[in-house]
Protein backbone atom coordinates (compact mmCIF):
# COMPACT_ATOMS: atom_id res chain seq x y z
CA UNK A 1 15.85 -17.46 16.60
CA UNK A 2 12.76 -19.51 15.88
CA UNK A 3 12.30 -22.66 13.87
CA UNK A 4 9.97 -22.78 10.89
CA UNK A 5 7.37 -25.49 11.38
CA UNK A 6 5.70 -27.35 8.55
CA UNK A 7 2.18 -26.40 9.60
CA UNK A 8 1.58 -22.64 8.97
CA UNK A 9 -0.91 -22.43 11.85
CA UNK A 10 1.58 -24.00 14.29
CA UNK A 11 4.27 -21.71 12.92
CA UNK A 12 2.12 -18.63 13.57
CA UNK A 13 1.49 -19.74 17.16
CA UNK A 14 5.20 -20.38 17.73
CA UNK A 15 6.13 -16.98 16.33
CA UNK A 16 3.48 -15.18 18.36
CA UNK A 17 4.71 -16.93 21.50
CA UNK A 18 8.25 -15.85 20.70
CA UNK A 19 7.15 -12.24 20.29
CA UNK A 20 5.21 -12.30 23.57
CA UNK A 21 8.20 -13.52 25.58
CA UNK A 22 10.95 -11.61 23.80
CA UNK A 23 9.51 -8.15 23.30
CA UNK A 24 12.87 -6.65 24.24
CA UNK A 25 14.27 -8.03 20.98
CA UNK A 26 11.73 -6.19 18.81
CA UNK A 27 12.70 -2.65 17.98
CA UNK A 28 9.67 -0.42 17.52
CA UNK A 29 9.86 3.25 16.63
CA UNK A 30 7.20 5.90 17.17
CA UNK A 31 3.73 5.57 15.73
CA UNK A 32 3.88 5.11 11.96
CA UNK A 33 0.79 6.57 10.30
CA UNK A 34 -0.34 5.45 6.85
CA UNK A 35 -2.76 7.52 4.80
CA UNK A 36 -4.90 5.18 2.68
CA UNK A 37 -6.41 7.15 -0.19
CA UNK A 38 -9.58 5.90 -1.89
CA UNK A 39 -10.48 7.29 -5.30
CA UNK A 40 -13.98 6.69 -6.63
CA UNK A 41 -14.24 3.20 -8.13
CA UNK A 42 -11.34 1.77 -6.10
CA UNK A 43 -10.76 -2.00 -6.02
CA UNK A 44 -12.23 -3.40 -2.80
CA UNK A 45 -9.66 -6.19 -2.42
CA UNK A 46 -6.74 -3.86 -3.04
CA UNK A 47 -8.06 -1.54 -0.35
CA UNK A 48 -8.83 -4.19 2.26
CA UNK A 49 -5.40 -5.82 2.18
CA UNK A 50 -3.76 -2.73 3.69
CA UNK A 51 -6.32 -2.75 6.50
CA UNK A 52 -5.71 -6.45 7.14
CA UNK A 53 -1.91 -6.56 7.02
CA UNK A 54 -1.36 -3.41 9.08
CA UNK A 55 -4.19 -4.44 11.40
CA UNK A 56 -2.57 -7.82 12.11
CA UNK A 57 0.74 -6.06 12.71
CA UNK A 58 -0.80 -3.62 15.17
CA UNK A 59 -3.36 -5.74 17.02
CA UNK A 60 -1.56 -9.08 17.22
CA UNK A 61 2.13 -8.13 17.16
CA UNK A 62 2.37 -4.73 18.82
CA UNK A 63 3.60 -2.75 15.82
CA UNK A 64 2.80 0.92 16.29
CA UNK A 65 1.21 1.36 12.86
CA UNK A 66 -2.11 3.05 12.17
CA UNK A 67 -4.23 3.62 9.06
CA UNK A 68 -6.34 6.66 8.21
CA UNK A 69 -8.66 6.43 5.21
CA UNK A 70 -9.14 9.45 2.99
CA UNK A 71 -11.16 10.49 -0.06
CA UNK A 72 -12.74 13.39 -1.92
CA UNK A 73 -16.13 12.62 -0.37
CA UNK A 74 -17.03 11.14 2.99
CA UNK A 75 -18.62 8.09 1.35
CA UNK A 76 -16.61 6.48 -1.45
CA UNK A 77 -18.07 3.73 -3.62
CA UNK A 78 -15.78 0.90 -4.66
CA UNK A 79 -15.64 -0.67 -8.11
CA UNK A 80 -18.53 -2.98 -7.34
CA UNK A 81 -20.62 -0.56 -5.32
CA UNK A 82 -19.35 -1.26 -1.80
CA UNK A 83 -19.54 2.01 0.18
CA UNK A 84 -16.72 3.01 2.53
CA UNK A 85 -17.01 5.91 4.97
CA UNK A 86 -13.55 7.47 5.10
CA UNK A 87 -11.95 9.00 8.18
CA UNK A 88 -11.04 12.31 6.60
CA UNK A 89 -11.27 14.33 3.39
CA UNK A 90 -8.37 15.23 1.14
CA UNK A 91 -8.80 18.96 1.85
CA UNK A 92 -8.23 18.27 5.55
CA UNK A 93 -4.94 16.42 5.07
CA UNK A 94 -1.57 17.71 6.22
CA UNK A 95 1.04 15.39 4.63
CA UNK A 96 3.41 16.09 7.51
CA UNK A 97 1.05 14.20 9.82
CA UNK A 98 1.64 10.91 7.98
CA UNK A 99 4.57 8.59 7.37
CA UNK A 100 3.33 6.69 4.30
CA UNK A 101 0.77 6.85 1.52
CA UNK A 102 -1.12 3.83 0.13
CA UNK A 103 -3.33 3.88 -2.97
CA UNK A 104 -5.36 0.94 -4.31
CA UNK A 105 -6.18 0.85 -8.02
CA UNK A 106 -9.63 0.89 -9.58
CA UNK A 107 -11.77 0.68 -12.71
CA UNK A 108 -12.00 3.43 -15.31
CA UNK A 109 -15.67 2.66 -16.00
CA UNK A 110 -16.47 3.34 -12.33
CA UNK A 111 -14.82 6.77 -12.43
CA UNK A 112 -11.45 5.90 -10.90
CA UNK A 113 -9.33 8.32 -12.94
CA UNK A 114 -11.71 11.24 -12.39
CA UNK A 115 -10.33 11.46 -8.86
CA UNK A 116 -7.04 9.58 -9.21
CA UNK A 117 -5.84 12.18 -11.74
CA UNK A 118 -7.13 15.16 -9.75
CA UNK A 119 -4.39 17.70 -9.04
CA UNK A 120 -5.12 17.58 -5.31
CA UNK A 121 -4.10 13.92 -5.18
CA UNK A 122 -1.15 14.46 -7.52
CA UNK A 123 0.09 17.24 -5.22
CA UNK A 124 -0.33 14.96 -2.19
CA UNK A 125 1.74 12.27 -3.93
CA UNK A 126 4.52 14.78 -4.65
CA UNK A 127 4.55 15.92 -1.02
CA UNK A 128 5.15 12.36 0.22
CA UNK A 129 7.82 11.71 -2.40
CA UNK A 130 9.70 14.94 -1.71
CA UNK A 131 10.32 13.71 1.84
CA UNK A 132 11.03 10.16 0.61
CA UNK A 133 8.13 8.70 2.56
CA UNK A 134 6.91 5.25 1.44
CA UNK A 135 4.26 5.32 -1.30
CA UNK A 136 2.56 1.98 -1.96
CA UNK A 137 0.35 1.50 -5.02
CA UNK A 138 -1.46 -1.53 -6.37
CA UNK A 139 -2.17 -2.18 -10.05
CA UNK A 140 -3.30 0.96 -11.94
CA UNK A 141 -2.72 3.19 -8.92
CA UNK A 142 0.76 3.48 -10.42
CA UNK A 143 -0.75 5.69 -13.14
CA UNK A 144 -1.49 8.69 -10.88
CA UNK A 145 2.03 8.27 -9.50
CA UNK A 146 3.29 8.50 -13.06
CA UNK A 147 1.08 11.48 -13.87
CA UNK A 148 2.33 13.29 -10.76
CA UNK A 149 5.85 13.13 -12.20
CA UNK A 150 7.49 11.29 -9.30
CA UNK A 151 8.30 8.21 -11.41
CA UNK A 152 10.00 10.08 -14.25
CA UNK A 153 13.27 8.28 -14.96
CA UNK A 154 12.52 5.65 -12.31
CA UNK A 155 11.46 2.02 -12.43
CA UNK A 156 7.85 0.94 -12.05
CA UNK A 157 5.09 -1.32 -13.27
CA UNK A 158 1.31 -1.53 -13.47
CA UNK A 159 -1.46 -3.78 -14.84
CA UNK A 160 0.31 -6.09 -17.31
CA UNK A 161 -2.51 -8.06 -18.96
CA UNK A 162 -4.53 -7.21 -22.11
CA UNK A 163 -1.36 -6.62 -24.13
CA UNK A 164 0.09 -4.39 -21.43
CA UNK A 165 -1.95 -1.35 -22.45
CA UNK A 166 -1.78 0.13 -18.96
CA UNK A 167 2.00 -0.35 -18.89
CA UNK A 168 2.19 1.54 -22.18
CA UNK A 169 0.25 4.37 -20.57
CA UNK A 170 2.64 4.41 -17.61
CA UNK A 171 5.60 4.46 -20.00
CA UNK A 172 4.26 7.70 -21.49
CA UNK A 173 5.10 9.34 -18.16
CA UNK A 174 8.79 8.47 -18.83
CA UNK A 175 8.77 5.54 -16.43
CA UNK A 176 11.15 2.62 -16.99
CA UNK A 177 8.75 -0.33 -17.14
CA UNK A 178 9.89 -3.48 -15.35
CA UNK A 179 7.97 -6.71 -15.95
CA UNK A 180 7.99 -7.92 -12.36
CA UNK A 181 4.93 -8.44 -10.13
CA UNK A 182 6.15 -5.86 -7.61
CA UNK A 183 8.73 -3.16 -8.30
CA UNK A 184 10.32 -1.08 -5.55
CA UNK A 185 12.30 2.00 -6.55
CA UNK A 186 13.57 3.66 -3.39
CA UNK A 187 10.44 4.77 -1.50
CA UNK A 188 7.88 3.87 -4.20
CA UNK A 189 6.15 0.50 -4.58
CA UNK A 190 4.23 -0.37 -7.78
CA UNK A 191 2.69 -3.67 -8.87
CA UNK A 192 1.00 -5.69 -11.62
CA UNK A 193 -2.57 -6.48 -10.60
CA UNK A 194 -4.94 -7.34 -7.70
CA UNK A 195 -3.08 -10.61 -7.11
CA UNK A 196 -0.05 -8.61 -5.92
CA UNK A 197 -1.95 -6.58 -3.32
CA UNK A 198 -0.81 -8.60 -0.31
CA UNK A 199 2.83 -8.46 -1.39
CA UNK A 200 2.57 -4.68 -1.73
CA UNK A 201 1.06 -4.38 1.75
CA UNK A 202 3.81 -6.55 3.25
CA UNK A 203 6.44 -4.45 1.45
CA UNK A 204 4.90 -1.34 2.98
CA UNK A 205 4.89 -2.94 6.43
CA UNK A 206 8.57 -3.79 5.97
CA UNK A 207 9.37 -0.15 5.20
CA UNK A 208 7.41 1.02 8.24
CA UNK A 209 8.90 -1.51 10.68
CA UNK A 210 11.59 -4.02 9.72
CA UNK A 211 12.14 -7.10 7.58
CA UNK A 212 12.02 -9.30 10.69
CA UNK A 213 8.74 -7.81 11.87
CA UNK A 214 7.19 -8.11 8.42
CA UNK A 215 8.20 -11.78 8.13
CA UNK A 216 6.63 -12.53 11.51
CA UNK A 217 3.29 -11.03 10.48
CA UNK A 218 3.48 -12.60 7.02
CA UNK A 219 4.02 -16.09 8.46
CA UNK A 220 1.23 -15.59 10.99
CA UNK A 221 -1.16 -14.78 8.14
CA UNK A 222 -0.17 -17.96 6.32
CA UNK A 223 1.85 -16.41 3.50
């Protein structure tokens, strides 16, 4: 066991030291591969948090987790025009090669739903859900999950501000709306807004590794 120190930085150092000297107490499975899908007009912050959290887990704490970015085109522009060169294209994806799917939300006026509602992505979502693999979405990325049909009769949430108009859209897909920042229904994670992105990423890390491992990384990052 380790003691929680008052200073988050000292706590992170203490935890990292513990991990370094007690690796035999950390149970790691095989490589866990996350497919991070970027639709046109994705939210930059919601995308980057998956890279950061899983990157800390892999590089600093030895978790065997990797991230592969994916899109319809090789270069995908974010909501505010930041270009990202993805690793692979959606037509090249075999869902069996991955253990989890992560999808950041985006802005309608930047073309997000043109790709987020494309049948190729909806099919990919169904493939992951059929095998009960973790699917992590942030904000309005819950809407393509709803449109795919995987949330029918299940609990979920999405962007809750502006009179909850996005939640009303999600409800049209026969989703039971829950007014919580992050909602986890079996293998599927949905959330309110950009502010919840880190919590979603930590929840995904927990599903890929363990609660103990997630808490170690979370504390090290100052959360």
